[in-house]
Amino acid sequence: MAGGSQPARPPRTRPRHAYPRPTYARTVRRALRTVPHYRERYAATGALPPLTRAEADERRHLLMPLGEAPPARRDPGLPVAERTAELYEALRLAGHRTRGLDVYEAARSLRDPVRAHGSTWRVLLDSTAHTDPYAEPGIRPGALPEGPALVVGDPGTPGGRDLVRVARTSLAEAAGSRPPRGSLWYEPWLGHLGAVPPSCGELHLNTGRVHARLLGDTTVLTLLRRRRPTLVHVCPEAAERFRPERCPVHGTPIVRRTP
């Protein structure tokens, strides 16, 4: 805008050229070539319809690439390094600085601490976790640090004065009320998908990891870097109430609630 300062852009988690359609197209082609679920669907209908959470849970073994579907008891899921990088990128998009802080993620199960991106990443058991009543106080639900630290999610108890809390929101929650600025977009079965930068208040995608498009009247997401399971055209709850658009402030991909 002439004569004034330009609005701050949210930090890019990937180079500008890394997101566009070719990356999405490669992901779809690879899914059709290597993943039984998508091969079946495309052979039957000539298309890839939206994939719901219930169907993904039921057909999880068919969402693995051919030759990469170990027994459930041996499947480690998303590698810890990728999980940490995904959360780090979402926090940057939301405008949060993490270097030099311990970052605690509220979760239902423990993981070993990880040192990455200038921070130590820890798990804080949330109020839904099942724990041994005789366990150490430090691993019981709600055992918040005194700070300085950053806590992602809601462990359900107050924390120290130097604690920075970061809210998480799903599309279903965002459909009912506008998500707070600085919060993260999180779907429990898909992970951290984006964030709400404080400079605009829009629900931004982490474009290095997530692609959004309309399929009929429904917004579907494709996780560009997830292979086990491979998730193409997934449909989170309330996705039909959102549309992919461009942020009016930053010009980058967002999803916006329809009137």
Protein backbone atom coordinates (compact mmCIF):
# COMPACT_ATOMS: atom_id res chain seq x y z
CA MET A 1 0.00 0.00 0.00
CA ALA A 2 1.43 3.39 -1.03
CA GLY A 3 2.80 5.61 1.68
CA GLY A 4 2.61 2.97 4.40
CA SER A 5 4.27 -0.19 5.61
CA GLN A 6 3.48 -3.47 3.94
CA PRO A 7 1.77 -6.15 6.06
CA ALA A 8 4.16 -8.75 7.40
CA ARG A 9 4.08 -12.05 5.51
CA PRO A 10 3.89 -15.26 7.52
CA PRO A 11 7.18 -17.18 7.28
CA ARG A 12 7.26 -19.68 4.42
CA THR A 13 8.00 -23.21 5.57
CA ARG A 14 9.00 -24.27 2.03
CA PRO A 15 10.26 -22.40 -1.04
CA ARG A 16 7.50 -20.79 -3.09
CA HIS A 17 8.02 -23.23 -5.96
CA ALA A 18 7.65 -26.30 -3.71
CA TYR A 19 3.89 -26.16 -3.26
CA PRO A 20 2.10 -25.71 -6.54
CA ARG A 21 0.04 -28.09 -8.58
CA PRO A 22 2.95 -30.25 -9.92
CA THR A 23 3.66 -31.48 -6.35
CA TYR A 24 -0.01 -32.36 -5.88
CA ALA A 25 -0.15 -34.04 -9.29
CA ARG A 26 2.93 -36.14 -8.49
CA THR A 27 1.39 -37.20 -5.18
CA VAL A 28 -1.83 -38.32 -6.92
CA ARG A 29 0.07 -40.18 -9.67
CA ARG A 30 2.19 -41.99 -7.10
CA ALA A 31 -0.92 -42.94 -5.10
CA LEU A 32 -2.59 -44.36 -8.22
CA ARG A 33 0.56 -46.29 -9.08
CA THR A 34 1.47 -47.70 -5.67
CA VAL A 35 -1.43 -47.61 -3.16
CA PRO A 36 -4.14 -50.34 -3.32
CA HIS A 37 -6.99 -48.16 -2.02
CA TYR A 38 -6.59 -45.52 -4.74
CA ARG A 39 -5.93 -48.07 -7.48
CA GLU A 40 -9.23 -49.80 -6.58
CA ARG A 41 -11.22 -46.56 -6.41
CA TYR A 42 -9.90 -45.23 -9.69
CA ALA A 43 -10.42 -48.52 -11.51
CA ALA A 44 -14.05 -48.62 -10.31
CA THR A 45 -15.07 -44.99 -10.84
CA GLY A 46 -12.36 -43.20 -12.82
CA ALA A 47 -11.98 -40.73 -9.95
CA LEU A 48 -10.70 -40.42 -6.38
CA PRO A 49 -13.71 -39.53 -4.18
CA PRO A 50 -13.32 -37.90 -0.73
CA LEU A 51 -11.83 -40.12 1.94
CA THR A 52 -13.46 -39.85 5.38
CA ARG A 53 -11.86 -40.66 8.70
CA ALA A 54 -14.08 -43.71 9.18
CA GLU A 55 -13.08 -45.14 5.81
CA ALA A 56 -9.41 -44.33 6.42
CA ASP A 57 -9.50 -46.17 9.76
CA GLU A 58 -11.24 -49.17 8.21
CA ARG A 59 -8.93 -49.40 5.19
CA ARG A 60 -5.66 -48.24 6.75
CA HIS A 61 -3.77 -51.31 5.52
CA LEU A 62 -4.87 -50.51 1.94
CA LEU A 63 -3.61 -46.93 2.23
CA MET A 64 -0.01 -48.13 2.56
CA PRO A 65 2.14 -48.28 -0.60
CA LEU A 66 2.60 -51.77 -2.04
CA GLY A 67 5.23 -53.67 -0.09
CA GLU A 68 5.21 -51.14 2.78
CA ALA A 69 2.40 -52.37 5.01
CA PRO A 70 3.93 -54.03 8.11
CA PRO A 71 1.74 -55.57 10.81
CA ALA A 72 0.00 -52.92 12.91
CA ARG A 73 2.04 -53.82 16.00
CA ARG A 74 5.26 -52.99 14.13
CA ASP A 75 4.11 -49.84 12.31
CA PRO A 76 5.80 -46.84 13.97
CA GLY A 77 3.51 -44.33 12.25
CA LEU A 78 4.84 -40.86 11.45
CA PRO A 79 8.57 -40.69 12.28
CA VAL A 80 9.40 -38.50 15.27
CA ALA A 81 11.62 -36.20 13.20
CA GLU A 82 8.78 -35.56 10.73
CA ARG A 83 6.25 -35.05 13.53
CA THR A 84 8.54 -32.51 15.15
CA ALA A 85 9.23 -30.70 11.86
CA GLU A 86 5.50 -30.55 11.11
CA LEU A 87 4.76 -28.94 14.48
CA TYR A 88 7.73 -26.56 14.17
CA GLU A 89 6.52 -25.35 10.76
CA ALA A 90 2.99 -24.80 12.06
CA LEU A 91 4.29 -22.78 15.00
CA ARG A 92 6.39 -20.60 12.70
CA LEU A 93 3.38 -20.02 10.47
CA ALA A 94 1.41 -18.95 13.55
CA GLY A 95 4.11 -16.43 14.44
CA HIS A 96 5.60 -18.24 17.45
CA ARG A 97 9.31 -18.27 18.21
CA THR A 98 10.57 -21.55 19.65
CA ARG A 99 14.36 -21.29 19.68
CA GLY A 100 15.73 -21.55 23.18
CA LEU A 101 12.40 -22.72 24.64
CA ASP A 102 11.21 -26.18 25.63
CA VAL A 103 8.11 -27.00 23.57
CA TYR A 104 5.48 -29.25 25.13
CA GLU A 105 2.79 -30.89 23.00
CA ALA A 106 -0.34 -32.12 24.78
CA ALA A 107 -0.87 -35.74 23.70
CA ARG A 108 -2.37 -39.02 24.92
CA SER A 109 0.89 -41.00 24.95
CA LEU A 110 4.50 -40.29 25.84
CA ARG A 111 7.43 -39.95 23.45
CA ASP A 112 11.08 -39.40 24.27
CA PRO A 113 12.25 -35.78 24.17
CA VAL A 114 13.75 -34.63 20.85
CA ARG A 115 16.34 -31.90 20.33
CA ALA A 116 15.72 -30.11 17.03
CA HIS A 117 15.39 -26.60 15.54
CA GLY A 118 17.11 -25.04 18.54
CA SER A 119 14.53 -26.41 21.02
CA THR A 120 13.75 -29.48 23.07
CA TRP A 121 10.40 -31.01 22.08
CA ARG A 122 8.53 -32.89 24.78
CA VAL A 123 5.15 -34.51 25.26
CA LEU A 124 2.78 -33.39 28.01
CA LEU A 125 0.06 -35.92 28.77
CA ASP A 126 -3.38 -34.37 28.36
CA SER A 127 -6.45 -34.97 30.50
CA THR A 128 -7.64 -37.89 28.31
CA ALA A 129 -4.46 -39.95 28.81
CA HIS A 130 -4.59 -43.16 30.84
CA THR A 131 -1.72 -43.32 33.33
CA ASP A 132 -0.52 -45.32 36.26
CA PRO A 133 -1.69 -43.54 39.44
CA TYR A 134 1.70 -44.34 40.98
CA ALA A 135 3.67 -42.78 38.11
CA GLU A 136 6.10 -39.94 38.65
CA PRO A 137 4.38 -36.54 38.99
CA GLY A 138 6.25 -35.26 35.94
CA ILE A 139 4.43 -37.61 33.57
CA ARG A 140 0.90 -37.35 34.94
CA PRO A 141 -1.74 -35.41 32.99
CA GLY A 142 -1.52 -31.69 33.63
CA ALA A 143 2.02 -31.66 35.03
CA LEU A 144 2.92 -28.32 33.44
CA PRO A 145 6.42 -26.86 33.55
CA GLU A 146 7.04 -23.64 35.41
CA GLY A 147 8.52 -21.99 32.30
CA PRO A 148 9.83 -20.41 30.27
CA ALA A 149 8.24 -22.86 27.86
CA LEU A 150 5.65 -23.13 25.12
CA VAL A 151 2.71 -25.53 25.45
CA VAL A 152 0.75 -26.66 22.39
CA GLY A 153 -2.78 -27.89 23.08
CA ASP A 154 -4.82 -27.86 26.26
CA PRO A 155 -3.57 -30.03 29.12
CA GLY A 156 -6.42 -28.70 31.25
CA THR A 157 -4.57 -27.05 34.14
CA PRO A 158 -3.03 -23.60 34.76
CA GLY A 159 0.69 -23.18 34.26
CA GLY A 160 3.52 -20.95 35.31
CA ARG A 161 3.82 -17.24 34.61
CA ASP A 162 6.38 -17.67 31.82
CA LEU A 163 4.33 -20.28 29.98
CA VAL A 164 3.13 -19.47 26.45
CA ARG A 165 0.01 -21.42 25.49
CA VAL A 166 -0.80 -22.17 21.85
CA ALA A 167 -4.36 -23.24 21.07
CA ARG A 168 -5.21 -25.86 18.46
CA THR A 169 -8.36 -25.84 16.36
CA SER A 170 -9.99 -28.26 13.93
CA LEU A 171 -12.22 -27.40 10.97
CA ALA A 172 -15.23 -28.58 12.98
CA GLU A 173 -14.36 -26.09 15.73
CA ALA A 174 -13.53 -23.33 13.24
CA ALA A 175 -16.94 -23.85 11.60
CA GLY A 176 -18.60 -22.78 14.87
CA SER A 177 -16.38 -19.85 15.83
CA ARG A 178 -13.47 -17.98 14.30
CA PRO A 179 -10.18 -19.54 15.48
CA PRO A 180 -7.94 -17.28 17.59
CA ARG A 181 -4.97 -15.62 15.95
CA GLY A 182 -1.76 -17.51 16.65
CA SER A 183 -3.54 -20.86 16.92
CA LEU A 184 -2.67 -24.03 15.00
CA TRP A 185 -4.88 -25.99 12.63
CA TYR A 186 -4.87 -29.56 13.95
CA GLU A 187 -6.87 -32.63 13.01
CA PRO A 188 -6.08 -35.56 15.35
CA TRP A 189 -5.99 -38.11 12.51
CA LEU A 190 -4.06 -35.87 10.10
CA GLY A 191 -1.71 -33.85 12.30
CA HIS A 192 -0.81 -30.15 12.23
CA LEU A 193 -1.97 -28.81 8.86
CA GLY A 194 -1.46 -25.07 9.18
CA ALA A 195 -2.07 -22.09 11.44
CA VAL A 196 -3.72 -18.70 11.90
CA PRO A 197 -1.08 -15.94 11.56
CA PRO A 198 -1.68 -12.96 13.85
CA SER A 199 -1.36 -10.52 10.94
CA CYS A 200 -4.53 -11.66 9.14
CA GLY A 201 -6.55 -14.15 11.21
CA GLU A 202 -7.09 -16.50 8.22
CA LEU A 203 -6.70 -20.28 8.35
CA HIS A 204 -3.50 -20.82 6.35
CA LEU A 205 -2.28 -24.15 5.02
CA ASN A 206 1.28 -25.35 5.53
CA THR A 207 1.78 -25.42 1.78
CA GLY A 208 4.89 -27.58 1.92
CA ARG A 209 2.79 -30.41 3.35
CA VAL A 210 -0.88 -29.83 2.51
CA HIS A 211 -2.81 -29.18 -0.71
CA ALA A 212 -6.49 -28.15 -0.67
CA ARG A 213 -8.96 -28.25 -3.55
CA LEU A 214 -12.66 -28.47 -4.23
CA LEU A 215 -14.01 -31.85 -5.25
CA GLY A 216 -17.61 -31.23 -6.21
CA ASP A 217 -18.92 -29.14 -3.32
CA THR A 218 -16.46 -30.50 -0.74
CA THR A 219 -13.01 -29.26 0.17
CA VAL A 220 -10.53 -32.13 0.27
CA LEU A 221 -6.94 -32.19 1.49
CA THR A 222 -3.93 -34.10 0.18
CA LEU A 223 -0.94 -34.60 2.45
CA LEU A 224 2.00 -34.14 0.12
CA ARG A 225 4.69 -35.75 2.26
CA ARG A 226 2.77 -38.51 4.03
CA ARG A 227 3.16 -42.01 2.58
CA ARG A 228 2.36 -44.44 5.38
CA PRO A 229 -0.57 -44.05 5.15
CA THR A 230 -0.90 -42.13 1.88
CA LEU A 231 -3.70 -39.58 2.31
CA VAL A 232 -5.19 -38.14 -0.90
CA HIS A 233 -8.48 -36.21 -1.02
CA VAL A 234 -9.17 -36.66 2.68
CA CYS A 235 -12.26 -34.96 4.04
CA PRO A 236 -12.06 -33.72 7.66
CA GLU A 237 -15.27 -33.17 9.56
CA ALA A 238 -16.99 -29.90 8.47
CA ALA A 239 -14.81 -29.60 5.34
CA GLU A 240 -17.96 -29.02 3.28
CA ARG A 241 -18.35 -25.67 5.09
CA PHE A 242 -14.99 -24.33 3.87
CA ARG A 243 -13.58 -23.30 0.50
CA PRO A 244 -9.95 -22.97 -0.66
CA GLU A 245 -9.08 -19.34 -1.33
CA ARG A 246 -6.14 -16.95 -1.32
CA CYS A 247 -5.41 -14.83 1.73
CA PRO A 248 -6.35 -11.21 0.93
CA VAL A 249 -3.34 -9.99 2.95
CA HIS A 250 -0.60 -12.48 2.02
CA GLY A 251 -1.81 -14.02 -1.24
CA THR A 252 -1.09 -17.55 0.00
CA PRO A 253 -3.51 -20.55 0.23
CA ILE A 254 -6.12 -20.55 2.98
CA VAL A 255 -9.42 -22.27 3.68
CA ARG A 256 -12.29 -19.94 4.55
CA ARG A 257 -15.67 -20.70 6.07
CA THR A 258 -18.55 -20.22 3.65
CA PRO A 259 -21.31 -17.76 4.67
